[in-house]
């Protein structure tokens, strides 16, 4: 949410209690100019994106199953894998042409 100056409002998260080993491991991997807060924010953003992608994937899968049941149109795993292999082969062909 942006305020009048156009800058996004900042908020804090509750403190997180972790065991000493986890904190030490986090401190060990911090970049030169990186803060613990920055690392935690980056990790939180990545986890949120991962969970949103997973939810979208599951929703699409459920919807596909419902469509298949409603229409009676099913595709075997072999059909799907053959089609995916064809798509991969075409993409690899285009990539090798572009690399030349």
N, C-alpha and C. Protein backbone atom coordinates (compact mmCIF):
# COMPACT_ATOMS: atom_id res chain seq x y z
N UNK A 1 0.86 -1.17 0.00
CA UNK A 1 0.00 0.00 0.00
C UNK A 1 0.90 1.23 0.00
N UNK A 2 0.65 2.18 -0.88
CA UNK A 2 1.47 3.38 -0.97
C UNK A 2 0.86 4.49 -0.13
N UNK A 3 1.73 5.34 0.44
CA UNK A 3 1.23 6.49 1.17
C UNK A 3 1.22 7.71 0.25
N UNK A 4 0.96 8.89 0.78
CA UNK A 4 0.84 10.10 -0.05
C UNK A 4 2.10 10.40 -0.84
N UNK A 5 3.24 10.10 -0.31
CA UNK A 5 4.49 10.38 -1.02
C UNK A 5 4.79 9.35 -2.10
N UNK A 6 3.97 8.32 -2.19
CA UNK A 6 4.17 7.27 -3.19
C UNK A 6 5.00 6.10 -2.69
N UNK A 7 5.60 6.25 -1.51
CA UNK A 7 6.40 5.16 -0.95
C UNK A 7 5.49 4.13 -0.30
N UNK A 8 5.87 2.89 -0.39
CA UNK A 8 5.09 1.83 0.23
C UNK A 8 5.24 1.89 1.74
N UNK A 9 4.13 1.67 2.43
CA UNK A 9 4.20 1.61 3.89
C UNK A 9 4.94 0.35 4.30
N UNK A 10 5.72 0.44 5.32
CA UNK A 10 6.45 -0.71 5.84
C UNK A 10 5.76 -1.19 7.10
N UNK A 11 5.86 -2.45 7.36
CA UNK A 11 5.26 -3.05 8.53
C UNK A 11 6.26 -4.03 9.11
N UNK A 12 6.07 -4.39 10.35
CA UNK A 12 6.96 -5.37 10.97
C UNK A 12 6.25 -6.69 11.14
N UNK A 13 7.03 -7.74 11.18
CA UNK A 13 6.52 -9.08 11.45
C UNK A 13 6.82 -9.42 12.91
N UNK A 14 6.10 -10.35 13.46
CA UNK A 14 6.41 -10.76 14.83
C UNK A 14 7.81 -11.36 14.91
N UNK A 15 8.46 -11.23 16.06
CA UNK A 15 9.78 -11.84 16.21
C UNK A 15 9.67 -13.36 16.03
N UNK A 16 10.71 -13.94 15.51
CA UNK A 16 10.73 -15.38 15.27
C UNK A 16 11.79 -16.01 16.17
N UNK A 17 11.37 -16.96 16.98
CA UNK A 17 12.31 -17.67 17.84
C UNK A 17 12.81 -18.90 17.09
N UNK A 18 14.11 -19.03 17.01
CA UNK A 18 14.73 -20.19 16.34
C UNK A 18 15.83 -20.73 17.23
N UNK A 19 16.25 -21.96 16.95
CA UNK A 19 17.35 -22.50 17.74
C UNK A 19 18.67 -21.85 17.31
N UNK A 20 19.63 -21.93 18.16
CA UNK A 20 20.91 -21.26 17.94
C UNK A 20 21.58 -21.73 16.66
N UNK A 21 21.47 -23.02 16.34
CA UNK A 21 22.11 -23.56 15.14
C UNK A 21 21.55 -22.91 13.88
N UNK A 22 20.24 -22.70 13.84
CA UNK A 22 19.62 -22.08 12.67
C UNK A 22 20.10 -20.64 12.53
N UNK A 23 20.13 -19.92 13.63
CA UNK A 23 20.60 -18.53 13.57
C UNK A 23 22.06 -18.48 13.09
N UNK A 24 22.90 -19.35 13.61
CA UNK A 24 24.31 -19.35 13.20
C UNK A 24 24.44 -19.70 11.73
N UNK A 25 23.65 -20.65 11.25
CA UNK A 25 23.69 -21.02 9.83
C UNK A 25 23.26 -19.83 8.98
N UNK A 26 22.23 -19.11 9.41
CA UNK A 26 21.77 -17.93 8.67
C UNK A 26 22.84 -16.85 8.65
N UNK A 27 23.47 -16.61 9.78
CA UNK A 27 24.53 -15.60 9.84
C UNK A 27 25.71 -15.98 8.96
N UNK A 28 25.98 -17.27 8.86
CA UNK A 28 27.10 -17.77 8.07
C UNK A 28 26.89 -17.51 6.57
N UNK A 29 25.65 -17.52 6.10
CA UNK A 29 25.39 -17.37 4.67
C UNK A 29 25.02 -15.94 4.27
N UNK A 30 25.00 -15.03 5.21
CA UNK A 30 24.68 -13.64 4.87
C UNK A 30 25.72 -13.08 3.91
N UNK A 31 25.23 -12.31 2.92
CA UNK A 31 26.13 -11.63 2.01
C UNK A 31 26.82 -10.48 2.72
N UNK A 32 27.82 -9.89 2.08
CA UNK A 32 28.63 -8.83 2.69
C UNK A 32 27.78 -7.67 3.18
N UNK A 33 26.83 -7.21 2.38
CA UNK A 33 26.01 -6.06 2.77
C UNK A 33 24.60 -6.47 3.17
N UNK A 34 24.39 -7.75 3.38
CA UNK A 34 23.05 -8.26 3.68
C UNK A 34 22.81 -8.28 5.19
N UNK A 35 21.58 -7.98 5.56
CA UNK A 35 21.21 -8.04 6.97
C UNK A 35 20.36 -9.27 7.22
N UNK A 36 20.24 -9.64 8.48
CA UNK A 36 19.38 -10.76 8.84
C UNK A 36 17.94 -10.45 8.42
N UNK A 37 17.51 -9.22 8.63
CA UNK A 37 16.16 -8.82 8.22
C UNK A 37 15.97 -8.99 6.72
N UNK A 38 16.99 -8.61 5.95
CA UNK A 38 16.91 -8.75 4.50
C UNK A 38 16.81 -10.20 4.08
N UNK A 39 17.61 -11.05 4.73
CA UNK A 39 17.56 -12.48 4.43
C UNK A 39 16.18 -13.06 4.75
N UNK A 40 15.64 -12.69 5.90
CA UNK A 40 14.32 -13.19 6.30
C UNK A 40 13.25 -12.70 5.33
N UNK A 41 13.33 -11.43 4.93
CA UNK A 41 12.34 -10.90 3.99
C UNK A 41 12.43 -11.62 2.65
N UNK A 42 13.63 -11.84 2.16
CA UNK A 42 13.82 -12.55 0.89
C UNK A 42 13.26 -13.97 0.97
N UNK A 43 13.54 -14.65 2.08
CA UNK A 43 13.05 -16.02 2.27
C UNK A 43 11.52 -16.04 2.34
N UNK A 44 10.95 -15.06 3.03
CA UNK A 44 9.50 -15.00 3.15
C UNK A 44 8.85 -14.74 1.80
N UNK A 45 9.41 -13.82 1.03
CA UNK A 45 8.86 -13.55 -0.32
C UNK A 45 8.94 -14.80 -1.20
N UNK A 46 10.06 -15.51 -1.14
CA UNK A 46 10.22 -16.72 -1.94
C UNK A 46 9.22 -17.79 -1.52
N UNK A 47 9.00 -17.95 -0.23
CA UNK A 47 8.04 -18.95 0.26
C UNK A 47 6.63 -18.60 -0.14
N UNK A 48 6.28 -17.32 -0.07
CA UNK A 48 4.94 -16.89 -0.49
C UNK A 48 4.75 -17.17 -1.98
N UNK A 49 5.74 -16.83 -2.80
CA UNK A 49 5.64 -17.09 -4.24
C UNK A 49 5.50 -18.58 -4.51
N UNK A 50 6.27 -19.39 -3.79
CA UNK A 50 6.20 -20.85 -3.96
C UNK A 50 4.81 -21.38 -3.60
N UNK A 51 4.27 -20.91 -2.50
CA UNK A 51 2.94 -21.39 -2.09
C UNK A 51 1.85 -20.92 -3.04
N UNK A 52 1.98 -19.70 -3.57
CA UNK A 52 1.00 -19.22 -4.54
C UNK A 52 1.08 -20.05 -5.82
N UNK A 53 2.28 -20.36 -6.28
CA UNK A 53 2.45 -21.18 -7.48
C UNK A 53 1.88 -22.57 -7.26
N UNK A 54 2.13 -23.14 -6.08
CA UNK A 54 1.59 -24.47 -5.76
C UNK A 54 0.07 -24.45 -5.75
N UNK A 55 -0.51 -23.42 -5.15
CA UNK A 55 -1.98 -23.32 -5.10
C UNK A 55 -2.56 -23.19 -6.50
N UNK A 56 -1.91 -22.40 -7.35
CA UNK A 56 -2.37 -22.25 -8.74
C UNK A 56 -2.27 -23.57 -9.48
N UNK A 57 -1.15 -24.27 -9.30
CA UNK A 57 -0.95 -25.56 -9.94
C UNK A 57 -2.02 -26.56 -9.52
N UNK A 58 -2.27 -26.64 -8.21
CA UNK A 58 -3.29 -27.57 -7.72
C UNK A 58 -4.67 -27.20 -8.23
N UNK A 59 -4.99 -25.92 -8.25
CA UNK A 59 -6.29 -25.47 -8.75
C UNK A 59 -6.47 -25.88 -10.21
N UNK A 60 -5.42 -25.66 -11.03
CA UNK A 60 -5.50 -26.04 -12.44
C UNK A 60 -5.68 -27.54 -12.60
N UNK A 61 -4.99 -28.32 -11.76
CA UNK A 61 -5.12 -29.76 -11.83
C UNK A 61 -6.51 -30.24 -11.46
N UNK A 62 -7.07 -29.65 -10.43
CA UNK A 62 -8.44 -30.00 -10.02
C UNK A 62 -9.44 -29.63 -11.11
N UNK A 63 -9.27 -28.44 -11.68
CA UNK A 63 -10.16 -28.01 -12.76
C UNK A 63 -10.05 -28.92 -13.98
N UNK A 64 -8.83 -29.34 -14.30
CA UNK A 64 -8.64 -30.25 -15.44
C UNK A 64 -9.34 -31.58 -15.18
N UNK A 65 -9.22 -32.08 -13.96
CA UNK A 65 -9.89 -33.33 -13.62
C UNK A 65 -11.40 -33.20 -13.71
N UNK A 66 -11.92 -32.07 -13.25
CA UNK A 66 -13.37 -31.84 -13.34
C UNK A 66 -13.83 -31.76 -14.79
N UNK A 67 -13.02 -31.09 -15.64
CA UNK A 67 -13.37 -31.01 -17.07
C UNK A 67 -13.36 -32.39 -17.71
N UNK A 68 -12.36 -33.19 -17.35
CA UNK A 68 -12.26 -34.53 -17.92
C UNK A 68 -13.46 -35.37 -17.51
N UNK A 69 -13.86 -35.28 -16.26
CA UNK A 69 -15.03 -36.03 -15.81
C UNK A 69 -16.30 -35.53 -16.50
N UNK A 70 -16.42 -34.22 -16.68
CA UNK A 70 -17.62 -33.66 -17.30
C UNK A 70 -17.71 -34.00 -18.78
N UNK A 71 -16.57 -34.00 -19.48
CA UNK A 71 -16.58 -34.24 -20.93
C UNK A 71 -16.33 -35.69 -21.29
N UNK A 72 -15.76 -36.45 -20.35
CA UNK A 72 -15.41 -37.83 -20.65
C UNK A 72 -14.15 -37.94 -21.50
N UNK A 73 -13.44 -36.84 -21.70
CA UNK A 73 -12.22 -36.84 -22.50
C UNK A 73 -11.01 -36.98 -21.57
N UNK A 74 -10.35 -38.11 -21.70
CA UNK A 74 -9.18 -38.39 -20.89
C UNK A 74 -8.00 -38.63 -21.82
N UNK A 75 -6.81 -38.38 -21.34
CA UNK A 75 -5.58 -38.66 -22.10
C UNK A 75 -4.70 -39.54 -21.23
N UNK A 76 -4.16 -40.57 -21.86
CA UNK A 76 -3.29 -41.48 -21.11
C UNK A 76 -1.97 -40.78 -20.80
N UNK A 77 -1.28 -41.30 -19.82
CA UNK A 77 0.03 -40.74 -19.47
C UNK A 77 0.98 -40.84 -20.65
N UNK A 78 0.90 -41.94 -21.40
CA UNK A 78 1.78 -42.11 -22.57
C UNK A 78 1.50 -41.04 -23.62
N UNK A 79 0.21 -40.71 -23.85
CA UNK A 79 -0.13 -39.66 -24.81
C UNK A 79 0.46 -38.31 -24.37
N UNK A 80 0.31 -38.01 -23.12
CA UNK A 80 0.80 -36.74 -22.59
C UNK A 80 2.32 -36.69 -22.69
N UNK A 81 2.99 -37.75 -22.29
CA UNK A 81 4.45 -37.78 -22.34
C UNK A 81 4.96 -37.68 -23.78
N UNK A 82 4.29 -38.35 -24.71
CA UNK A 82 4.68 -38.26 -26.12
C UNK A 82 4.55 -36.83 -26.63
N UNK A 83 3.47 -36.17 -26.27
CA UNK A 83 3.25 -34.78 -26.70
C UNK A 83 4.31 -33.86 -26.09
N UNK A 84 4.60 -34.04 -24.81
CA UNK A 84 5.62 -33.23 -24.16
C UNK A 84 6.99 -33.47 -24.78
N UNK A 85 7.30 -34.71 -25.11
CA UNK A 85 8.58 -35.02 -25.76
C UNK A 85 8.67 -34.32 -27.10
N UNK A 86 7.59 -34.31 -27.85
CA UNK A 86 7.57 -33.60 -29.13
C UNK A 86 7.81 -32.11 -28.96
N UNK A 87 7.18 -31.53 -27.95
CA UNK A 87 7.37 -30.10 -27.68
C UNK A 87 8.83 -29.82 -27.30
N UNK A 88 9.41 -30.70 -26.49
CA UNK A 88 10.80 -30.52 -26.08
C UNK A 88 11.74 -30.64 -27.28
N UNK A 89 11.49 -31.60 -28.13
CA UNK A 89 12.33 -31.79 -29.32
C UNK A 89 12.27 -30.57 -30.22
N UNK A 90 11.07 -30.01 -30.41
CA UNK A 90 10.93 -28.80 -31.22
C UNK A 90 11.68 -27.63 -30.59
N UNK A 91 11.55 -27.47 -29.30
CA UNK A 91 12.23 -26.36 -28.60
C UNK A 91 13.73 -26.51 -28.70
N UNK A 92 14.23 -27.72 -28.56
CA UNK A 92 15.67 -27.95 -28.67
C UNK A 92 16.15 -27.64 -30.09
N UNK A 93 15.34 -27.98 -31.08
CA UNK A 93 15.69 -27.67 -32.47
C UNK A 93 15.77 -26.16 -32.69
N UNK A 94 14.80 -25.43 -32.15
CA UNK A 94 14.82 -23.97 -32.29
C UNK A 94 16.02 -23.37 -31.56
N UNK A 95 16.33 -23.90 -30.39
CA UNK A 95 17.45 -23.38 -29.60
C UNK A 95 18.77 -23.62 -30.33
N UNK A 96 18.92 -24.78 -30.94
CA UNK A 96 20.18 -25.06 -31.64
C UNK A 96 20.32 -24.19 -32.88
N UNK A 97 19.21 -23.86 -33.55
CA UNK A 97 19.25 -22.94 -34.70
C UNK A 97 19.65 -21.55 -34.24
N UNK A 98 19.11 -21.12 -33.11
CA UNK A 98 19.41 -19.79 -32.59
C UNK A 98 20.87 -19.69 -32.15
N UNK A 99 21.44 -20.80 -31.71
CA UNK A 99 22.81 -20.78 -31.21
C UNK A 99 23.84 -20.68 -32.34
N UNK A 100 23.41 -20.99 -33.53
CA UNK A 100 24.35 -20.97 -34.67
C UNK A 100 24.65 -19.61 -35.13
